[in-house]
Amino acid sequence: MSATSLRMSQVLVPKAYTVLAADADKRAVISALAATLVGCGRLAQAQVATVVDEAMKREVVGSTGIGHGIAIPHCRTALSDTIICSYGHCSEGLDFDSLDGEPVHSVFLLVTPPALKEQHLQLMKSFASQIRKEHFCDFLQQVPTAQALHDLLVEFENR
């Protein structure tokens, strides 16, 4: 897969979708998202702590709450040989130290192998362009299932 063709809909792990508790802190949110990857067979339970620790190290550098109700905590680790993503939703909103100061409703956890740094950067850039499209964030807050999320991503990626 070339760096220019990678899309969020392609790295999102089917069924790696969870509802997040409104009172969860960043570590609990990232842990819950990593656990969904275990449930889908993409990470081993023993790997969750490493993913959480690496993603939390990235949060120290700067919040991955990018605004518009979205956060994308991420880490680079050799625990996966492909870029994988899980998704969590919180209707009430979470405090994720978002850049715009607003609550976060949608959280995407990206786990990227070190060798795919360029693809990771391209993916983040591509996804940022989706976020700026009219109605994307509104629709994102309303997706009830992993399939609905995938369908929404595909629809907006093809616009």
C-alpha atoms as a PDB file:
ATOM      1  CA  MET A   1       0.000   0.000   0.000  1.00  0.00           C
ATOM      2  CA  SER A   2       1.549   3.283  -1.028  1.00  0.00           C
ATOM      3  CA  ALA A   3       1.779   6.205   1.353  1.00  0.00           C
ATOM      4  CA  THR A   4      -0.570   8.246  -0.809  1.00  0.00           C
ATOM      5  CA  SER A   5      -3.373   5.689  -0.873  1.00  0.00           C
ATOM      6  CA  LEU A   6      -3.658   4.837   2.835  1.00  0.00           C
ATOM      7  CA  ARG A   7      -7.019   5.793   4.347  1.00  0.00           C
ATOM      8  CA  MET A   8      -8.480   5.602   7.844  1.00  0.00           C
ATOM      9  CA  SER A   9     -11.180   3.210   6.575  1.00  0.00           C
ATOM     10  CA  GLN A  10      -8.410   0.810   5.543  1.00  0.00           C
ATOM     11  CA  VAL A  11      -6.627   0.708   8.911  1.00  0.00           C
ATOM     12  CA  LEU A  12      -9.717   0.693  11.119  1.00  0.00           C
ATOM     13  CA  VAL A  13     -10.029  -2.820  12.526  1.00  0.00           C
ATOM     14  CA  PRO A  14     -13.539  -4.208  11.966  1.00  0.00           C
ATOM     15  CA  LYS A  15     -15.380  -4.507  15.284  1.00  0.00           C
ATOM     16  CA  ALA A  16     -12.682  -2.524  17.158  1.00  0.00           C
ATOM     17  CA  TYR A  17     -15.389  -0.153  18.375  1.00  0.00           C
ATOM     18  CA  THR A  18     -16.316   0.672  21.953  1.00  0.00           C
ATOM     19  CA  VAL A  19     -18.399   3.071  23.992  1.00  0.00           C
ATOM     20  CA  LEU A  20     -16.204   5.064  26.373  1.00  0.00           C
ATOM     21  CA  ALA A  21     -17.119   6.129  29.904  1.00  0.00           C
ATOM     22  CA  ALA A  22     -17.443   9.906  30.281  1.00  0.00           C
ATOM     23  CA  ASP A  23     -15.385   9.874  33.486  1.00  0.00           C
ATOM     24  CA  ALA A  24     -12.458   7.980  31.909  1.00  0.00           C
ATOM     25  CA  ASP A  25      -9.061   9.681  31.874  1.00  0.00           C
ATOM     26  CA  LYS A  26      -6.673   9.456  28.916  1.00  0.00           C
ATOM     27  CA  ARG A  27      -4.968   6.293  30.173  1.00  0.00           C
ATOM     28  CA  ALA A  28      -8.324   4.537  30.710  1.00  0.00           C
ATOM     29  CA  VAL A  29      -9.535   5.605  27.253  1.00  0.00           C
ATOM     30  CA  ILE A  30      -6.375   4.354  25.540  1.00  0.00           C
ATOM     31  CA  SER A  31      -6.530   1.111  27.581  1.00  0.00           C
ATOM     32  CA  ALA A  32     -10.137   0.523  26.509  1.00  0.00           C
ATOM     33  CA  LEU A  33      -9.240   1.125  22.855  1.00  0.00           C
ATOM     34  CA  ALA A  34      -6.235  -1.208  23.051  1.00  0.00           C
ATOM     35  CA  ALA A  35      -8.480  -3.839  24.663  1.00  0.00           C
ATOM     36  CA  THR A  36     -10.785  -3.741  21.628  1.00  0.00           C
ATOM     37  CA  LEU A  37      -7.764  -4.629  19.477  1.00  0.00           C
ATOM     38  CA  VAL A  38      -7.154  -7.633  21.771  1.00  0.00           C
ATOM     39  CA  GLY A  39     -10.788  -8.650  21.362  1.00  0.00           C
ATOM     40  CA  CYS A  40     -10.349  -8.546  17.574  1.00  0.00           C
ATOM     41  CA  GLY A  41      -7.157 -10.604  17.667  1.00  0.00           C
ATOM     42  CA  ARG A  42      -4.888  -7.761  16.542  1.00  0.00           C
ATOM     43  CA  LEU A  43      -2.951  -7.396  19.815  1.00  0.00           C
ATOM     44  CA  ALA A  44      -2.174  -9.838  22.609  1.00  0.00           C
ATOM     45  CA  GLN A  45      -3.382  -8.984  26.112  1.00  0.00           C
ATOM     46  CA  ALA A  46       0.272  -8.841  27.225  1.00  0.00           C
ATOM     47  CA  GLN A  47       0.899  -6.063  24.661  1.00  0.00           C
ATOM     48  CA  VAL A  48      -1.770  -3.660  25.934  1.00  0.00           C
ATOM     49  CA  ALA A  49       0.426  -2.090  28.624  1.00  0.00           C
ATOM     50  CA  THR A  50       3.163  -1.326  26.087  1.00  0.00           C
ATOM     51  CA  VAL A  51       0.713   0.302  23.662  1.00  0.00           C
ATOM     52  CA  VAL A  52      -0.842   2.348  26.483  1.00  0.00           C
ATOM     53  CA  ASP A  53       2.553   3.440  27.843  1.00  0.00           C
ATOM     54  CA  GLU A  54       3.827   4.440  24.379  1.00  0.00           C
ATOM     55  CA  ALA A  55       0.644   6.354  23.549  1.00  0.00           C
ATOM     56  CA  MET A  56       0.797   8.133  26.931  1.00  0.00           C
ATOM     57  CA  LYS A  57       4.431   9.133  26.232  1.00  0.00           C
ATOM     58  CA  ARG A  58       3.149  10.775  23.037  1.00  0.00           C
ATOM     59  CA  GLU A  59       0.456  12.613  25.026  1.00  0.00           C
ATOM     60  CA  VAL A  60       3.189  14.174  27.186  1.00  0.00           C
ATOM     61  CA  VAL A  61       4.674  15.753  24.035  1.00  0.00           C
ATOM     62  CA  GLY A  62       1.307  17.313  23.228  1.00  0.00           C
ATOM     63  CA  SER A  63      -2.349  16.402  23.378  1.00  0.00           C
ATOM     64  CA  THR A  64      -3.688  14.344  20.501  1.00  0.00           C
ATOM     65  CA  GLY A  65      -7.094  15.935  21.089  1.00  0.00           C
ATOM     66  CA  ILE A  66      -7.014  17.684  17.712  1.00  0.00           C
ATOM     67  CA  GLY A  67     -10.280  19.591  18.031  1.00  0.00           C
ATOM     68  CA  HIS A  68     -13.766  19.227  16.587  1.00  0.00           C
ATOM     69  CA  GLY A  69     -14.526  16.594  19.262  1.00  0.00           C
ATOM     70  CA  ILE A  70     -11.824  14.213  17.983  1.00  0.00           C
ATOM     71  CA  ALA A  71      -8.674  12.746  19.532  1.00  0.00           C
ATOM     72  CA  ILE A  72      -6.151  10.480  17.827  1.00  0.00           C
ATOM     73  CA  PRO A  73      -3.797   9.024  20.430  1.00  0.00           C
ATOM     74  CA  HIS A  74      -1.099   7.053  18.684  1.00  0.00           C
ATOM     75  CA  CYS A  75       2.186   5.233  19.063  1.00  0.00           C
ATOM     76  CA  ARG A  76       4.844   3.574  16.972  1.00  0.00           C
ATOM     77  CA  THR A  77       5.667   0.050  18.068  1.00  0.00           C
ATOM     78  CA  ALA A  78       6.916  -3.180  16.552  1.00  0.00           C
ATOM     79  CA  LEU A  79       3.992  -5.019  18.184  1.00  0.00           C
ATOM     80  CA  SER A  80       2.068  -4.771  14.924  1.00  0.00           C
ATOM     81  CA  ASP A  81       3.396  -5.184  11.397  1.00  0.00           C
ATOM     82  CA  THR A  82       0.617  -3.016   9.906  1.00  0.00           C
ATOM     83  CA  ILE A  83      -1.077   0.208  10.951  1.00  0.00           C
ATOM     84  CA  ILE A  84      -4.151  -0.651  12.996  1.00  0.00           C
ATOM     85  CA  CYS A  85      -6.833   1.583  14.448  1.00  0.00           C
ATOM     86  CA  SER A  86      -9.594   1.195  17.004  1.00  0.00           C
ATOM     87  CA  TYR A  87     -12.406   3.624  17.741  1.00  0.00           C
ATOM     88  CA  GLY A  88     -14.219   4.751  20.859  1.00  0.00           C
ATOM     89  CA  HIS A  89     -17.200   7.035  21.251  1.00  0.00           C
ATOM     90  CA  CYS A  90     -18.511   8.995  24.217  1.00  0.00           C
ATOM     91  CA  SER A  91     -21.819  10.850  23.766  1.00  0.00           C
ATOM     92  CA  GLU A  92     -21.274  12.932  26.899  1.00  0.00           C
ATOM     93  CA  GLY A  93     -17.768  13.986  25.884  1.00  0.00           C
ATOM     94  CA  LEU A  94     -14.393  13.362  27.505  1.00  0.00           C
ATOM     95  CA  ASP A  95     -11.759  15.702  28.857  1.00  0.00           C
ATOM     96  CA  PHE A  96      -8.800  14.958  26.571  1.00  0.00           C
ATOM     97  CA  ASP A  97      -6.961  18.310  26.844  1.00  0.00           C
ATOM     98  CA  SER A  98      -8.162  19.031  23.326  1.00  0.00           C
ATOM     99  CA  LEU A  99      -6.428  21.838  21.443  1.00  0.00           C
ATOM    100  CA  ASP A 100      -9.725  23.735  21.104  1.00  0.00           C
ATOM    101  CA  GLY A 101     -10.662  23.151  24.770  1.00  0.00           C
ATOM    102  CA  GLU A 102     -13.830  21.277  23.784  1.00  0.00           C
ATOM    103  CA  PRO A 103     -14.878  17.802  24.987  1.00  0.00           C
ATOM    104  CA  VAL A 104     -13.869  14.826  22.840  1.00  0.00           C
ATOM    105  CA  HIS A 105     -16.584  12.487  21.575  1.00  0.00           C
ATOM    106  CA  SER A 106     -14.610  10.367  19.085  1.00  0.00           C
ATOM    107  CA  VAL A 107     -11.253   8.742  19.806  1.00  0.00           C
ATOM    108  CA  PHE A 108      -9.171   6.835  17.261  1.00  0.00           C
ATOM    109  CA  LEU A 109      -6.198   4.843  18.605  1.00  0.00           C
ATOM    110  CA  LEU A 110      -3.536   4.337  15.929  1.00  0.00           C
ATOM    111  CA  VAL A 111      -0.809   1.731  16.393  1.00  0.00           C
ATOM    112  CA  THR A 112       1.908   2.002  13.764  1.00  0.00           C
ATOM    113  CA  PRO A 113       5.036  -0.094  13.161  1.00  0.00           C
ATOM    114  CA  PRO A 114       8.234   2.010  13.160  1.00  0.00           C
ATOM    115  CA  ALA A 115       8.926   1.186   9.503  1.00  0.00           C
ATOM    116  CA  LEU A 116       5.662   2.822   8.394  1.00  0.00           C
ATOM    117  CA  LYS A 117       6.337   6.333   9.700  1.00  0.00           C
ATOM    118  CA  GLU A 118       5.674   8.001   6.333  1.00  0.00           C
ATOM    119  CA  GLN A 119       2.409   6.116   5.866  1.00  0.00           C
ATOM    120  CA  HIS A 120       1.389   7.141   9.383  1.00  0.00           C
ATOM    121  CA  LEU A 121       2.045  10.815   8.638  1.00  0.00           C
ATOM    122  CA  GLN A 122       0.162  10.593   5.338  1.00  0.00           C
ATOM    123  CA  LEU A 123      -2.762   8.913   7.079  1.00  0.00           C
ATOM    124  CA  MET A 124      -2.928  11.655   9.721  1.00  0.00           C
ATOM    125  CA  LYS A 125      -2.798  14.336   7.021  1.00  0.00           C
ATOM    126  CA  SER A 126      -5.521  12.612   5.007  1.00  0.00           C
ATOM    127  CA  PHE A 127      -7.747  12.205   8.051  1.00  0.00           C
ATOM    128  CA  ALA A 128      -7.285  15.853   8.997  1.00  0.00           C
ATOM    129  CA  SER A 129      -8.705  16.768   5.597  1.00  0.00           C
ATOM    130  CA  GLN A 130     -11.798  14.593   6.295  1.00  0.00           C
ATOM    131  CA  ILE A 131     -12.387  16.376   9.598  1.00  0.00           C
ATOM    132  CA  ARG A 132     -12.561  19.729   7.822  1.00  0.00           C
ATOM    133  CA  LYS A 133     -15.314  18.555   5.449  1.00  0.00           C
ATOM    134  CA  GLU A 134     -18.774  19.908   6.179  1.00  0.00           C
ATOM    135  CA  HIS A 135     -20.897  17.673   8.433  1.00  0.00           C
ATOM    136  CA  PHE A 136     -18.197  14.986   8.950  1.00  0.00           C
ATOM    137  CA  CYS A 137     -17.802  15.627  12.688  1.00  0.00           C
ATOM    138  CA  ASP A 138     -21.579  15.843  13.194  1.00  0.00           C
ATOM    139  CA  PHE A 139     -22.100  12.498  11.454  1.00  0.00           C
ATOM    140  CA  LEU A 140     -19.135  10.958  13.290  1.00  0.00           C
ATOM    141  CA  GLN A 141     -20.769  11.696  16.652  1.00  0.00           C
ATOM    142  CA  GLN A 142     -23.841   9.726  15.573  1.00  0.00           C
ATOM    143  CA  VAL A 143     -22.319   6.425  14.344  1.00  0.00           C
ATOM    144  CA  PRO A 144     -23.854   3.573  16.371  1.00  0.00           C
ATOM    145  CA  THR A 145     -21.713   0.658  15.123  1.00  0.00           C
ATOM    146  CA  ALA A 146     -18.311  -0.236  13.715  1.00  0.00           C
ATOM    147  CA  GLN A 147     -19.891  -0.843  10.295  1.00  0.00           C
ATOM    148  CA  ALA A 148     -21.585   2.573  10.328  1.00  0.00           C
ATOM    149  CA  LEU A 149     -18.230   4.151  11.203  1.00  0.00           C
ATOM    150  CA  HIS A 150     -16.497   2.345   8.347  1.00  0.00           C
ATOM    151  CA  ASP A 151     -19.237   3.372   5.921  1.00  0.00           C
ATOM    152  CA  LEU A 152     -19.003   7.015   7.018  1.00  0.00           C
ATOM    153  CA  LEU A 153     -15.223   7.048   6.569  1.00  0.00           C
ATOM    154  CA  VAL A 154     -15.472   5.518   3.104  1.00  0.00           C
ATOM    155  CA  GLU A 155     -18.175   7.978   2.072  1.00  0.00           C
ATOM    156  CA  PHE A 156     -16.150  11.023   3.107  1.00  0.00           C
ATOM    157  CA  GLU A 157     -12.853   9.636   1.773  1.00  0.00           C
ATOM    158  CA  ASN A 158     -14.479   9.296  -1.637  1.00  0.00           C
ATOM    159  CA  ARG A 159     -15.765  12.891  -1.707  1.00  0.00           C
END
